[in-house]
């Protein structure tokens, strides 16, 4: 999840939507907040363009905090839960 202005700028530049990095609606925290509904609609559409693995690789490279979201079906095979013995 991009948090800082740099995160958002780098995200837009690297996800194929460089024009959004210059869009005044998303230039700073105040304007992103004012336009959060539109921002999250754009973000949802952008995120559908790649796999989770592709996003993790890109976001790691540009140093944007990220992590996969598990579904109920995938939690059974989650390596972290297995490592901490979630049955207790």
N, C-alpha and C. Protein backbone atom coordinates (compact mmCIF):
# COMPACT_ATOMS: atom_id res chain seq x y z
N UNK A 1 0.84 -1.18 0.00
CA UNK A 1 0.00 0.00 0.00
C UNK A 1 0.88 1.24 0.00
N UNK A 2 0.79 2.05 -1.03
CA UNK A 2 1.54 3.30 -1.02
C UNK A 2 1.04 4.21 0.11
N UNK A 3 1.98 4.81 0.85
CA UNK A 3 1.61 5.71 1.94
C UNK A 3 2.09 7.13 1.67
N UNK A 4 3.34 7.28 1.37
CA UNK A 4 3.94 8.61 1.22
C UNK A 4 3.74 9.13 -0.20
N UNK A 5 4.01 10.42 -0.36
CA UNK A 5 3.96 11.00 -1.70
C UNK A 5 4.92 10.27 -2.63
N UNK A 6 6.11 9.94 -2.15
CA UNK A 6 7.09 9.22 -2.97
C UNK A 6 6.55 7.85 -3.36
N UNK A 7 5.95 7.14 -2.40
CA UNK A 7 5.37 5.83 -2.72
C UNK A 7 4.37 5.94 -3.86
N UNK A 8 3.44 6.90 -3.73
CA UNK A 8 2.41 7.04 -4.75
C UNK A 8 3.02 7.41 -6.09
N UNK A 9 3.95 8.36 -6.09
CA UNK A 9 4.59 8.77 -7.34
C UNK A 9 5.27 7.57 -8.00
N UNK A 10 6.07 6.84 -7.23
CA UNK A 10 6.78 5.68 -7.77
C UNK A 10 5.81 4.59 -8.23
N UNK A 11 4.74 4.39 -7.48
CA UNK A 11 3.74 3.40 -7.87
C UNK A 11 3.14 3.75 -9.23
N UNK A 12 2.66 4.98 -9.38
CA UNK A 12 2.06 5.39 -10.64
C UNK A 12 3.06 5.30 -11.79
N UNK A 13 4.28 5.73 -11.56
CA UNK A 13 5.31 5.69 -12.60
C UNK A 13 5.60 4.26 -13.05
N UNK A 14 5.54 3.31 -12.13
CA UNK A 14 5.95 1.94 -12.43
C UNK A 14 4.82 0.98 -12.75
N UNK A 15 3.59 1.43 -12.61
CA UNK A 15 2.47 0.51 -12.88
C UNK A 15 1.83 0.78 -14.24
N UNK A 16 2.44 1.65 -15.02
CA UNK A 16 1.90 1.92 -16.34
C UNK A 16 0.94 3.09 -16.40
N UNK A 17 0.86 3.86 -15.32
CA UNK A 17 -0.03 5.03 -15.30
C UNK A 17 0.76 6.28 -14.86
N UNK A 18 1.83 6.64 -15.59
CA UNK A 18 2.67 7.76 -15.16
C UNK A 18 1.94 9.09 -15.12
N UNK A 19 0.88 9.23 -15.91
CA UNK A 19 0.12 10.49 -15.90
C UNK A 19 -0.52 10.75 -14.54
N UNK A 20 -0.83 9.70 -13.79
CA UNK A 20 -1.44 9.89 -12.48
C UNK A 20 -0.46 10.46 -11.46
N UNK A 21 0.84 10.27 -11.69
CA UNK A 21 1.85 10.84 -10.80
C UNK A 21 1.84 12.36 -10.86
N UNK A 22 1.37 12.91 -11.97
CA UNK A 22 1.31 14.37 -12.14
C UNK A 22 -0.10 14.93 -11.93
N UNK A 23 -1.05 14.07 -11.66
CA UNK A 23 -2.44 14.50 -11.49
C UNK A 23 -2.58 15.23 -10.16
N UNK A 24 -3.03 16.48 -10.16
CA UNK A 24 -3.15 17.25 -8.92
C UNK A 24 -4.08 16.61 -7.88
N UNK A 25 -5.02 15.78 -8.32
CA UNK A 25 -5.92 15.11 -7.38
C UNK A 25 -5.19 14.13 -6.46
N UNK A 26 -4.03 13.66 -6.93
CA UNK A 26 -3.31 12.63 -6.19
C UNK A 26 -1.89 13.06 -5.80
N UNK A 27 -1.61 14.35 -5.88
CA UNK A 27 -0.24 14.86 -5.68
C UNK A 27 0.20 14.85 -4.22
N UNK A 28 -0.72 14.99 -3.30
CA UNK A 28 -0.36 15.05 -1.88
C UNK A 28 -1.41 14.39 -1.03
N UNK A 29 -1.09 14.23 0.24
CA UNK A 29 -2.00 13.53 1.15
C UNK A 29 -3.37 14.21 1.22
N UNK A 30 -3.40 15.52 1.24
CA UNK A 30 -4.69 16.23 1.36
C UNK A 30 -5.55 15.99 0.13
N UNK A 31 -4.97 16.10 -1.06
CA UNK A 31 -5.77 15.92 -2.27
C UNK A 31 -6.11 14.45 -2.50
N UNK A 32 -5.20 13.53 -2.11
CA UNK A 32 -5.55 12.11 -2.20
C UNK A 32 -6.71 11.79 -1.28
N UNK A 33 -6.72 12.37 -0.10
CA UNK A 33 -7.81 12.14 0.84
C UNK A 33 -9.12 12.68 0.29
N UNK A 34 -9.07 13.87 -0.27
CA UNK A 34 -10.27 14.48 -0.85
C UNK A 34 -10.82 13.65 -2.01
N UNK A 35 -9.94 12.96 -2.70
CA UNK A 35 -10.32 12.19 -3.88
C UNK A 35 -10.14 10.69 -3.66
N UNK A 36 -10.28 10.26 -2.41
CA UNK A 36 -9.98 8.86 -2.08
C UNK A 36 -10.89 7.87 -2.79
N UNK A 37 -12.15 8.19 -2.97
CA UNK A 37 -13.05 7.25 -3.66
C UNK A 37 -12.56 7.00 -5.08
N UNK A 38 -12.25 8.06 -5.78
CA UNK A 38 -11.75 7.91 -7.15
C UNK A 38 -10.39 7.22 -7.17
N UNK A 39 -9.53 7.58 -6.22
CA UNK A 39 -8.21 6.96 -6.14
C UNK A 39 -8.32 5.45 -5.94
N UNK A 40 -9.18 5.02 -5.03
CA UNK A 40 -9.30 3.59 -4.77
C UNK A 40 -9.99 2.84 -5.91
N UNK A 41 -10.86 3.52 -6.65
CA UNK A 41 -11.43 2.89 -7.85
C UNK A 41 -10.34 2.67 -8.90
N UNK A 42 -9.49 3.69 -9.08
CA UNK A 42 -8.37 3.55 -10.01
C UNK A 42 -7.42 2.45 -9.55
N UNK A 43 -7.13 2.45 -8.27
CA UNK A 43 -6.22 1.45 -7.70
C UNK A 43 -6.76 0.04 -7.91
N UNK A 44 -8.05 -0.16 -7.70
CA UNK A 44 -8.65 -1.48 -7.89
C UNK A 44 -8.51 -1.92 -9.35
N UNK A 45 -8.72 -1.02 -10.29
CA UNK A 45 -8.58 -1.37 -11.70
C UNK A 45 -7.13 -1.67 -12.05
N UNK A 46 -6.21 -0.89 -11.53
CA UNK A 46 -4.79 -1.11 -11.79
C UNK A 46 -4.33 -2.44 -11.22
N UNK A 47 -4.77 -2.77 -10.03
CA UNK A 47 -4.31 -4.00 -9.37
C UNK A 47 -4.76 -5.25 -10.12
N UNK A 48 -5.84 -5.18 -10.86
CA UNK A 48 -6.31 -6.33 -11.63
C UNK A 48 -5.45 -6.63 -12.85
N UNK A 49 -4.48 -5.76 -13.16
CA UNK A 49 -3.69 -5.93 -14.38
C UNK A 49 -2.51 -6.87 -14.22
N UNK A 50 -2.20 -7.31 -12.99
CA UNK A 50 -1.05 -8.20 -12.75
C UNK A 50 -1.41 -9.22 -11.68
N UNK A 51 -0.60 -10.24 -11.61
CA UNK A 51 -0.79 -11.24 -10.56
C UNK A 51 -0.24 -10.71 -9.24
N UNK A 52 -0.62 -11.39 -8.16
CA UNK A 52 -0.09 -11.02 -6.84
C UNK A 52 1.43 -11.09 -6.84
N UNK A 53 1.99 -12.15 -7.41
CA UNK A 53 3.45 -12.32 -7.44
C UNK A 53 4.12 -11.17 -8.21
N UNK A 54 3.51 -10.76 -9.32
CA UNK A 54 4.06 -9.65 -10.09
C UNK A 54 4.02 -8.35 -9.30
N UNK A 55 2.91 -8.11 -8.58
CA UNK A 55 2.82 -6.90 -7.77
C UNK A 55 3.83 -6.91 -6.64
N UNK A 56 3.99 -8.03 -5.98
CA UNK A 56 4.96 -8.11 -4.88
C UNK A 56 6.36 -7.79 -5.40
N UNK A 57 6.72 -8.35 -6.54
CA UNK A 57 8.04 -8.10 -7.12
C UNK A 57 8.23 -6.62 -7.43
N UNK A 58 7.23 -6.00 -8.08
CA UNK A 58 7.32 -4.58 -8.42
C UNK A 58 7.36 -3.71 -7.17
N UNK A 59 6.45 -3.96 -6.25
CA UNK A 59 6.37 -3.12 -5.04
C UNK A 59 7.61 -3.27 -4.17
N UNK A 60 8.16 -4.47 -4.08
CA UNK A 60 9.42 -4.64 -3.36
C UNK A 60 10.53 -3.83 -4.02
N UNK A 61 10.58 -3.88 -5.34
CA UNK A 61 11.63 -3.17 -6.07
C UNK A 61 11.57 -1.66 -5.85
N UNK A 62 10.36 -1.10 -5.79
CA UNK A 62 10.23 0.35 -5.60
C UNK A 62 10.02 0.73 -4.13
N UNK A 63 10.18 -0.26 -3.26
CA UNK A 63 10.14 -0.06 -1.80
C UNK A 63 8.81 0.51 -1.30
N UNK A 64 7.73 -0.08 -1.79
CA UNK A 64 6.39 0.25 -1.30
C UNK A 64 5.93 -0.92 -0.44
N UNK A 65 5.53 -0.65 0.82
CA UNK A 65 5.08 -1.74 1.69
C UNK A 65 3.96 -2.54 1.04
N UNK A 66 4.05 -3.87 1.17
CA UNK A 66 3.05 -4.71 0.53
C UNK A 66 3.04 -6.09 1.15
N UNK A 67 2.02 -6.83 0.85
CA UNK A 67 1.90 -8.21 1.26
C UNK A 67 0.65 -8.80 0.66
N UNK A 68 0.66 -10.09 0.42
CA UNK A 68 -0.53 -10.72 -0.18
C UNK A 68 -1.68 -10.78 0.82
N UNK A 69 -2.88 -10.78 0.31
CA UNK A 69 -4.06 -10.96 1.13
C UNK A 69 -4.53 -12.39 0.91
N UNK A 70 -4.61 -13.15 1.99
CA UNK A 70 -5.01 -14.55 1.89
C UNK A 70 -6.53 -14.67 1.85
N UNK A 71 -6.98 -15.64 1.09
CA UNK A 71 -8.40 -15.98 1.11
C UNK A 71 -8.61 -17.06 2.17
N UNK A 72 -9.83 -17.33 2.52
CA UNK A 72 -10.10 -18.39 3.49
C UNK A 72 -9.57 -19.73 2.98
N UNK A 73 -9.66 -19.95 1.68
CA UNK A 73 -9.20 -21.21 1.11
C UNK A 73 -7.68 -21.36 1.20
N UNK A 74 -6.94 -20.26 1.05
CA UNK A 74 -5.47 -20.35 1.06
C UNK A 74 -4.88 -20.31 2.47
N UNK A 75 -5.66 -19.94 3.45
CA UNK A 75 -5.14 -19.89 4.82
C UNK A 75 -4.70 -21.26 5.32
N UNK A 76 -5.34 -22.32 4.88
CA UNK A 76 -5.00 -23.68 5.30
C UNK A 76 -3.54 -23.99 5.00
N UNK A 77 -3.05 -23.49 3.85
CA UNK A 77 -1.69 -23.78 3.41
C UNK A 77 -0.72 -22.64 3.70
N UNK A 78 -1.09 -21.68 4.53
CA UNK A 78 -0.23 -20.54 4.81
C UNK A 78 1.01 -20.98 5.58
N UNK A 79 2.21 -20.71 5.04
CA UNK A 79 3.44 -21.15 5.70
C UNK A 79 3.64 -20.54 7.10
N UNK A 80 3.25 -19.28 7.27
CA UNK A 80 3.41 -18.66 8.59
C UNK A 80 2.54 -19.33 9.63
N UNK A 81 1.29 -19.58 9.29
CA UNK A 81 0.40 -20.23 10.26
C UNK A 81 0.89 -21.63 10.60
N UNK A 82 1.41 -22.34 9.62
CA UNK A 82 1.97 -23.67 9.88
C UNK A 82 3.18 -23.56 10.80
N UNK A 83 4.00 -22.54 10.61
CA UNK A 83 5.20 -22.37 11.41
C UNK A 83 4.90 -22.04 12.87
N UNK A 84 3.79 -21.35 13.12
CA UNK A 84 3.46 -20.95 14.49
C UNK A 84 2.42 -21.87 15.11
N UNK A 85 2.09 -22.97 14.43
CA UNK A 85 1.13 -23.95 14.93
C UNK A 85 -0.18 -23.28 15.30
N UNK A 86 -0.93 -22.89 14.29
CA UNK A 86 -2.20 -22.17 14.50
C UNK A 86 -3.30 -23.04 15.09
N UNK A 87 -3.05 -24.32 15.30
CA UNK A 87 -4.09 -25.19 15.84
C UNK A 87 -4.29 -24.98 17.34
N UNK A 88 -3.39 -24.30 17.99
CA UNK A 88 -3.53 -24.09 19.44
C UNK A 88 -4.57 -23.09 19.78
